[in-house]
Protein backbone atom coordinates (compact mmCIF):
# COMPACT_ATOMS: atom_id res chain seq x y z
CA MET A 1 49.03 20.85 76.62
CA ALA A 2 50.06 20.10 80.25
CA VAL A 3 50.82 22.83 82.76
CA ASN A 4 54.55 23.29 83.40
CA LYS A 5 55.04 21.85 86.91
CA CYS A 6 58.25 23.85 87.40
CA ILE A 7 56.44 27.19 86.82
CA LYS A 8 53.52 26.04 88.96
CA TYR A 9 55.61 25.16 92.01
CA LEU A 10 57.96 28.13 91.55
CA LEU A 11 54.92 30.42 91.75
CA PHE A 12 53.60 28.47 94.74
CA PHE A 13 56.86 28.79 96.73
CA PHE A 14 57.27 32.41 95.64
CA ASN A 15 53.85 33.20 97.11
CA LEU A 16 54.48 31.11 100.21
CA LEU A 17 57.55 33.29 100.89
CA PHE A 18 55.42 36.32 100.06
CA TRP A 19 52.81 35.23 102.64
CA VAL A 20 55.45 34.52 105.33
CA SER A 21 57.01 37.97 104.67
CA GLY A 22 53.57 39.54 105.12
CA CYS A 23 53.12 37.72 108.45
CA ILE A 24 56.53 38.94 109.67
CA ILE A 25 55.86 42.57 108.59
CA LEU A 26 52.41 42.48 110.23
CA GLY A 27 53.72 40.93 113.46
CA VAL A 28 56.62 43.38 113.82
CA SER A 29 54.36 46.36 112.97
CA ILE A 30 51.73 45.39 115.56
CA TYR A 31 54.47 44.90 118.17
CA LEU A 32 55.85 48.39 117.43
CA LYS A 33 52.33 49.84 117.50
CA VAL A 34 51.51 48.48 120.97
CA SER A 35 55.02 48.95 122.35
CA LYS A 36 55.24 51.43 125.23
CA ASP A 37 58.46 52.81 123.76
CA GLY A 38 56.60 54.43 120.87
CA ASN A 39 57.19 58.17 120.56
CA GLN A 40 54.07 60.24 119.76
CA ILE A 41 56.13 62.93 118.01
CA THR A 42 57.91 60.58 115.60
CA ASN A 43 54.70 58.59 115.08
CA GLU A 44 52.99 61.79 113.96
CA SER A 45 55.77 62.96 111.66
CA LEU A 46 56.55 59.49 110.28
CA PRO A 47 53.29 57.49 110.31
CA GLY A 48 55.07 54.46 108.88
CA ILE A 49 53.82 51.84 111.35
CA ASP A 50 50.19 52.08 110.17
CA LEU A 51 51.43 51.86 106.59
CA MET A 52 53.51 48.77 107.45
CA ILE A 53 50.45 47.09 109.00
CA ALA A 54 48.46 47.75 105.81
CA ILE A 55 51.33 46.46 103.63
CA GLY A 56 51.64 43.32 105.78
CA VAL A 57 47.91 42.55 105.43
CA ILE A 58 47.98 43.16 101.64
CA ILE A 59 51.05 40.93 101.18
CA MET A 60 49.41 38.15 103.24
CA VAL A 61 46.23 38.28 101.15
CA LEU A 62 48.23 38.37 97.91
CA GLY A 63 50.38 35.43 99.02
CA PHE A 64 47.27 33.42 99.85
CA LEU A 65 45.66 34.22 96.48
CA GLY A 66 48.84 33.32 94.60
CA CYS A 67 49.35 30.04 96.50
CA CYS A 68 45.73 28.92 95.97
CA GLY A 69 45.74 30.01 92.34
CA ALA A 70 48.98 28.14 91.60
CA ILE A 71 48.30 24.89 93.46
CA ARG A 72 44.64 24.62 92.36
CA GLU A 73 45.38 25.97 88.86
CA ASN A 74 42.61 28.52 89.31
CA ARG A 75 42.69 31.07 86.48
CA CYS A 76 40.40 33.54 88.28
CA MET A 77 42.71 33.72 91.34
CA LEU A 78 45.81 33.97 89.14
CA LEU A 79 44.29 36.83 87.12
CA LEU A 80 43.28 38.65 90.30
CA PHE A 81 46.79 38.09 91.68
CA PHE A 82 48.39 39.43 88.46
CA ILE A 83 46.15 42.55 88.35
CA THR A 84 46.83 43.34 92.03
CA LEU A 85 50.60 42.97 91.55
CA LEU A 86 50.42 45.22 88.49
CA LEU A 87 48.51 47.90 90.45
CA ILE A 88 51.04 47.74 93.31
CA PHE A 89 53.90 48.00 90.81
CA ILE A 90 52.32 51.11 89.20
CA LEU A 91 51.69 52.69 92.65
CA LEU A 92 55.28 51.92 93.72
CA LEU A 93 56.61 53.52 90.54
CA ALA A 94 54.35 56.57 90.97
CA ALA A 95 55.38 56.93 94.64
CA GLY A 96 59.07 56.80 93.67
CA ILE A 97 58.60 59.49 91.00
CA LEU A 98 56.53 61.72 93.31
CA GLY A 99 59.02 61.26 96.14
CA ALA A 100 61.91 62.30 93.88
CA VAL A 101 60.06 65.22 92.28
CA GLY A 102 58.16 66.50 95.34
CA GLU A 103 60.91 66.26 97.98
CA LYS A 104 60.18 69.81 99.25
CA LYS A 105 56.46 69.01 99.55
CA VAL A 106 57.30 66.01 101.77
CA LYS A 107 59.37 68.27 104.05
CA ASP A 108 56.54 70.82 104.24
CA TRP A 109 54.06 68.00 104.99
CA VAL A 110 56.19 66.75 107.92
CA LYS A 111 56.49 70.27 109.36
CA LYS A 112 52.75 70.89 108.98
CA ARG A 113 51.92 67.71 110.93
CA LEU A 114 54.27 68.75 113.72
CA GLU A 115 52.90 72.31 113.93
CA LYS A 116 49.75 71.04 115.66
CA PHE A 117 51.84 70.28 118.77
CA THR A 118 52.73 73.95 119.28
CA PRO A 119 52.79 75.64 121.75
CA LEU A 120 54.63 72.72 123.29
CA SER A 121 54.23 73.75 126.93
CA GLU A 122 50.44 73.32 126.64
CA GLN A 123 50.65 69.71 125.46
CA PRO A 124 49.84 66.73 127.76
CA GLU A 125 52.68 65.48 129.94
CA THR A 126 53.19 62.30 127.88
CA VAL A 127 53.74 64.37 124.70
CA ARG A 128 56.18 66.71 126.48
CA GLU A 129 58.13 63.72 127.83
CA ASP A 130 58.35 62.19 124.35
CA LEU A 131 59.58 65.47 122.91
CA GLU A 132 62.16 65.99 125.63
CA LYS A 133 63.47 62.48 125.03
CA LEU A 134 63.67 63.28 121.29
CA GLN A 135 65.46 66.58 121.99
CA ARG A 136 68.11 64.83 124.09
CA GLU A 137 68.66 62.14 121.45
CA LEU A 138 68.78 64.45 118.41
CA LYS A 139 70.32 67.49 120.16
CA CYS A 140 67.60 69.88 119.04
CA CYS A 141 65.02 72.16 120.63
CA GLY A 142 61.38 72.74 119.72
CA LEU A 143 59.65 71.25 116.71
CA VAL A 144 59.22 73.83 113.96
CA ASN A 145 60.59 77.21 115.10
CA GLY A 146 63.24 76.15 117.61
CA PRO A 147 63.29 77.18 121.32
CA SER A 148 60.46 79.70 120.69
CA ASP A 149 58.04 76.73 120.41
CA TRP A 150 58.31 76.47 124.21
CA THR A 151 56.88 79.06 126.62
CA GLN A 152 59.14 77.57 129.31
CA ILE A 153 62.34 76.12 127.90
CA PRO A 154 63.06 72.64 129.41
CA GLU A 155 66.43 71.30 130.51
CA SER A 156 66.61 69.03 127.44
CA CYS A 157 67.11 72.16 125.29
CA ARG A 158 70.11 73.31 127.29
CA CYS A 159 73.63 72.35 126.23
CA ASN A 160 77.31 72.96 126.78
CA LYS A 161 78.63 75.85 124.67
CA THR A 162 81.59 73.70 123.61
CA GLU A 163 79.24 71.33 121.72
CA PRO A 164 79.08 71.93 117.95
CA ASP A 165 75.24 72.09 117.88
CA CYS A 166 75.05 74.49 120.84
CA SER A 167 74.32 78.20 120.35
CA SER A 168 75.92 81.11 122.23
CA SER A 169 72.89 81.17 124.56
CA ALA A 170 73.68 77.58 125.68
CA LEU A 171 70.60 76.20 123.88
CA TYR A 172 70.13 73.91 120.92
CA ASP A 173 68.69 76.32 118.36
CA GLU A 174 67.88 73.88 115.55
CA PRO A 175 64.25 72.62 115.54
CA CYS A 176 63.71 68.85 115.76
CA SER A 177 61.73 68.82 112.50
CA ASN A 178 64.98 69.58 110.61
CA LYS A 179 66.73 66.70 112.39
CA ILE A 180 63.84 64.30 111.59
CA ILE A 181 63.91 65.32 107.90
CA THR A 182 67.71 64.80 107.83
CA LEU A 183 67.22 61.28 109.23
CA MET A 184 64.60 60.62 106.54
CA GLU A 185 67.03 61.75 103.83
CA LYS A 186 69.83 59.54 105.20
CA ASN A 187 67.54 56.48 105.15
CA MET A 188 66.14 57.27 101.70
CA GLU A 189 68.79 55.15 99.93
CA VAL A 190 67.80 52.13 102.02
CA VAL A 191 64.11 52.74 101.26
CA LEU A 192 64.82 53.05 97.53
CA GLY A 193 66.86 49.82 97.64
CA ILE A 194 63.97 47.96 99.32
CA ALA A 195 61.48 49.44 96.84
CA PHE A 196 63.69 48.33 93.93
CA ALA A 197 63.93 44.78 95.35
CA ILE A 198 60.12 44.66 95.80
CA ALA A 199 59.66 45.88 92.20
CA ILE A 200 61.89 43.04 90.90
CA LEU A 201 59.89 40.50 92.93
CA LEU A 202 56.64 41.94 91.56
CA ILE A 203 57.90 41.59 87.97
CA PHE A 204 58.86 37.93 88.53
CA GLY A 205 55.54 37.25 90.28
CA MET A 206 53.57 38.79 87.40
CA ALA A 207 55.60 36.84 84.82
CA PHE A 208 55.09 33.48 86.58
CA ALA A 209 51.39 34.19 87.16
CA MET A 210 50.73 35.12 83.51
CA ILE A 211 52.69 32.13 82.13
CA LEU A 212 50.74 29.76 84.37
CA TYR A 213 47.45 31.52 83.54
CA CYS A 214 48.05 31.09 79.79
CA GLN A 215 49.15 27.45 80.18
CA ILE A 216 45.99 26.59 82.18
CA GLY A 217 43.92 28.32 79.47
CA ARG A 218 45.56 26.26 76.70
CA LYS A 219 45.15 23.09 78.76
CA ASP A 220 41.44 23.79 79.34
CA GLY A 221 41.01 24.59 75.64
CA ALA A 222 42.68 21.35 74.59
CA THR A 223 40.58 19.36 77.08
CA GLY A 224 37.38 20.93 75.74
CA THR A 225 38.34 20.15 72.14
CA THR A 226 39.11 16.50 73.02
CA THR A 227 35.79 16.15 74.86
CA ASN A 228 33.82 17.56 71.89
CA ALA A 229 35.65 15.24 69.50
C-alpha cells in the first residue's frame, strides 16, 4: 500500500509553518530580552519572555522533526513527533485547568515574587527608575502594601485629588501588584484563545502524524511480504 502523498505533504507544510512560527517567537523573545526598554519589575512578576524563548526553541525542534519525518517517511521521527505533541497537549490542558482552578494561587505567587523588592527605597537606582515608570503608567504606588513600601515617597506616587485613583492625601494608594494582576486578568481571554488555537493545531498535527506513521508501517509490511515471496 502506497503512502498517501496528500497526507505526507500536508504534514510537511504544517510542520514547516510550525518551524517558521518557532523562529518568529524565538526572534521576538530574544529581542525583548535584550531590549533596553525591559522593566525589571514586570519581568519579575510576569516572567513570560523566558517561557516564550523556551516555547520558540521547542516549536522549532518539533517542526524540524515533523518535516524530516514526513518527507523522509521516517517512522521513528514521526512517532517521536506524535508523542511530543501529545505531551504538550496534556500539559496545555493541565495548565488551563490549574489556571482556572488556582486563580488565587497565581495572584499570591505574583505578590510573593514582588515582595523581594521591598523596601523599595533600598533597591538599586535602575530598579527604582523602572518602578517609578510603572507607577506613572499604571497610576499606582508601591508594589504590595501601597505607599508604605517606600521609606521616602517619590513624585511618581503623587497625584491630583481630582483624579479617580487619587486618595485624600494626594497619593495613589493602590499597590502596583493589584494593577498588574488586573492587566493579567484582562488579557486572560486572549491567552485562552491562543491556547485553544494551539490545541486545535496539535490535534491536527497528531492526526496527520499517526495516519502517515500507520501508512508507512503498512507499506513496509507489504514490501517485506513481497520480498519474502
